[in-house]
Amino acid sequence: MPEEVTGAAKSVICPHCSREVPIAKRCPHCGQILPKPKKKSWKTYKLTPVEIFLAILGTVVLLIALVAL
């Protein structure tokens, strides 16, 4: 995992010397160019129109039940 971003300090693992170094253009230990850290990707769901309708319908029914209590 050479492009792994770790911790709150925002560091990256150098693929050449295998040391954890801060994000920079070059590794301060071996001088090689570091990879850019990967951006966090969000999980997206592909819903069909029927599934969207049922989700909305379920939410409405749940809200009506909560108000009726």
C-alpha atoms as a PDB file:
ATOM      1  CA  MET A   1       0.000   0.000   0.000  1.00  0.00           C
ATOM      2  CA  PRO A   2       2.432   2.694  -1.078  1.00  0.00           C
ATOM      3  CA  GLU A   3      -0.244   5.401  -1.380  1.00  0.00           C
ATOM      4  CA  GLU A   4      -1.786   4.859   2.028  1.00  0.00           C
ATOM      5  CA  VAL A   5      -2.720   8.011   3.924  1.00  0.00           C
ATOM      6  CA  THR A   6      -2.459   7.503   7.668  1.00  0.00           C
ATOM      7  CA  GLY A   7      -3.437   9.281  10.855  1.00  0.00           C
ATOM      8  CA  ALA A   8      -4.304  12.881  11.576  1.00  0.00           C
ATOM      9  CA  ALA A   9      -0.785  13.994  10.651  1.00  0.00           C
ATOM     10  CA  LYS A  10      -1.535  13.303   6.966  1.00  0.00           C
ATOM     11  CA  SER A  11       1.465  11.240   6.023  1.00  0.00           C
ATOM     12  CA  VAL A  12       2.212   8.883   3.166  1.00  0.00           C
ATOM     13  CA  ILE A  13       4.346   5.727   2.876  1.00  0.00           C
ATOM     14  CA  CYS A  14       7.330   6.219   0.562  1.00  0.00           C
ATOM     15  CA  PRO A  15       7.322   3.406  -2.048  1.00  0.00           C
ATOM     16  CA  HIS A  16      11.127   3.530  -2.340  1.00  0.00           C
ATOM     17  CA  CYS A  17      12.364   3.506   1.277  1.00  0.00           C
ATOM     18  CA  SER A  18       9.114   2.288   2.962  1.00  0.00           C
ATOM     19  CA  ARG A  19       9.178   5.053   5.572  1.00  0.00           C
ATOM     20  CA  GLU A  20       6.175   7.041   6.730  1.00  0.00           C
ATOM     21  CA  VAL A  21       6.852  10.640   5.741  1.00  0.00           C
ATOM     22  CA  PRO A  22       4.751  13.836   5.679  1.00  0.00           C
ATOM     23  CA  ILE A  23       2.996  14.729   2.434  1.00  0.00           C
ATOM     24  CA  ALA A  24       5.488  16.539   0.208  1.00  0.00           C
ATOM     25  CA  LYS A  25       6.727  16.440  -3.369  1.00  0.00           C
ATOM     26  CA  ARG A  26       9.867  14.453  -2.478  1.00  0.00           C
ATOM     27  CA  CYS A  27      10.782  12.028   0.314  1.00  0.00           C
ATOM     28  CA  PRO A  28      13.043  13.755   2.868  1.00  0.00           C
ATOM     29  CA  HIS A  29      14.955  10.494   3.458  1.00  0.00           C
ATOM     30  CA  CYS A  30      15.685   9.102  -0.016  1.00  0.00           C
ATOM     31  CA  GLY A  31      14.815  12.091  -2.245  1.00  0.00           C
ATOM     32  CA  GLN A  32      12.487  10.173  -4.564  1.00  0.00           C
ATOM     33  CA  ILE A  33       9.208  11.673  -5.794  1.00  0.00           C
ATOM     34  CA  LEU A  34       6.283  10.680  -3.550  1.00  0.00           C
ATOM     35  CA  PRO A  35       2.877   9.560  -4.868  1.00  0.00           C
ATOM     36  CA  LYS A  36      -0.078  11.874  -4.355  1.00  0.00           C
ATOM     37  CA  PRO A  37      -2.401  10.683  -1.576  1.00  0.00           C
ATOM     38  CA  LYS A  38      -5.721   9.253  -2.704  1.00  0.00           C
ATOM     39  CA  LYS A  39      -8.801  11.353  -2.082  1.00  0.00           C
ATOM     40  CA  LYS A  40     -11.571   9.799  -0.057  1.00  0.00           C
ATOM     41  CA  SER A  41     -14.171   8.318  -2.344  1.00  0.00           C
ATOM     42  CA  TRP A  42     -17.811   8.296  -1.319  1.00  0.00           C
ATOM     43  CA  LYS A  43     -19.909   5.198  -1.711  1.00  0.00           C
ATOM     44  CA  THR A  44     -22.758   5.759  -4.137  1.00  0.00           C
ATOM     45  CA  TYR A  45     -25.789   3.575  -4.478  1.00  0.00           C
ATOM     46  CA  LYS A  46     -27.534   2.919  -7.772  1.00  0.00           C
ATOM     47  CA  LEU A  47     -31.239   2.818  -6.998  1.00  0.00           C
ATOM     48  CA  THR A  48     -33.994   2.057  -9.442  1.00  0.00           C
ATOM     49  CA  PRO A  49     -37.054   4.333  -9.558  1.00  0.00           C
ATOM     50  CA  VAL A  50     -39.088   1.648  -7.750  1.00  0.00           C
ATOM     51  CA  GLU A  51     -36.559   1.512  -4.910  1.00  0.00           C
ATOM     52  CA  ILE A  52     -36.583   5.324  -4.604  1.00  0.00           C
ATOM     53  CA  PHE A  53     -40.388   5.315  -4.474  1.00  0.00           C
ATOM     54  CA  LEU A  54     -40.436   2.609  -1.802  1.00  0.00           C
ATOM     55  CA  ALA A  55     -37.820   4.459   0.279  1.00  0.00           C
ATOM     56  CA  ILE A  56     -39.873   7.663   0.164  1.00  0.00           C
ATOM     57  CA  LEU A  57     -43.095   5.772   0.903  1.00  0.00           C
ATOM     58  CA  GLY A  58     -41.478   4.007   3.852  1.00  0.00           C
ATOM     59  CA  THR A  59     -40.195   7.305   5.234  1.00  0.00           C
ATOM     60  CA  VAL A  60     -43.649   8.894   4.968  1.00  0.00           C
ATOM     61  CA  VAL A  61     -45.322   5.936   6.690  1.00  0.00           C
ATOM     62  CA  LEU A  62     -42.687   5.989   9.447  1.00  0.00           C
ATOM     63  CA  LEU A  63     -43.200   9.714  10.010  1.00  0.00           C
ATOM     64  CA  ILE A  64     -46.987   9.263  10.180  1.00  0.00           C
ATOM     65  CA  ALA A  65     -46.530   6.467  12.735  1.00  0.00           C
ATOM     66  CA  LEU A  66     -44.206   8.621  14.853  1.00  0.00           C
ATOM     67  CA  VAL A  67     -46.647  11.554  14.816  1.00  0.00           C
ATOM     68  CA  ALA A  68     -49.545   9.268  15.764  1.00  0.00           C
ATOM     69  CA  LEU A  69     -47.781   8.101  18.943  1.00  0.00           C
END
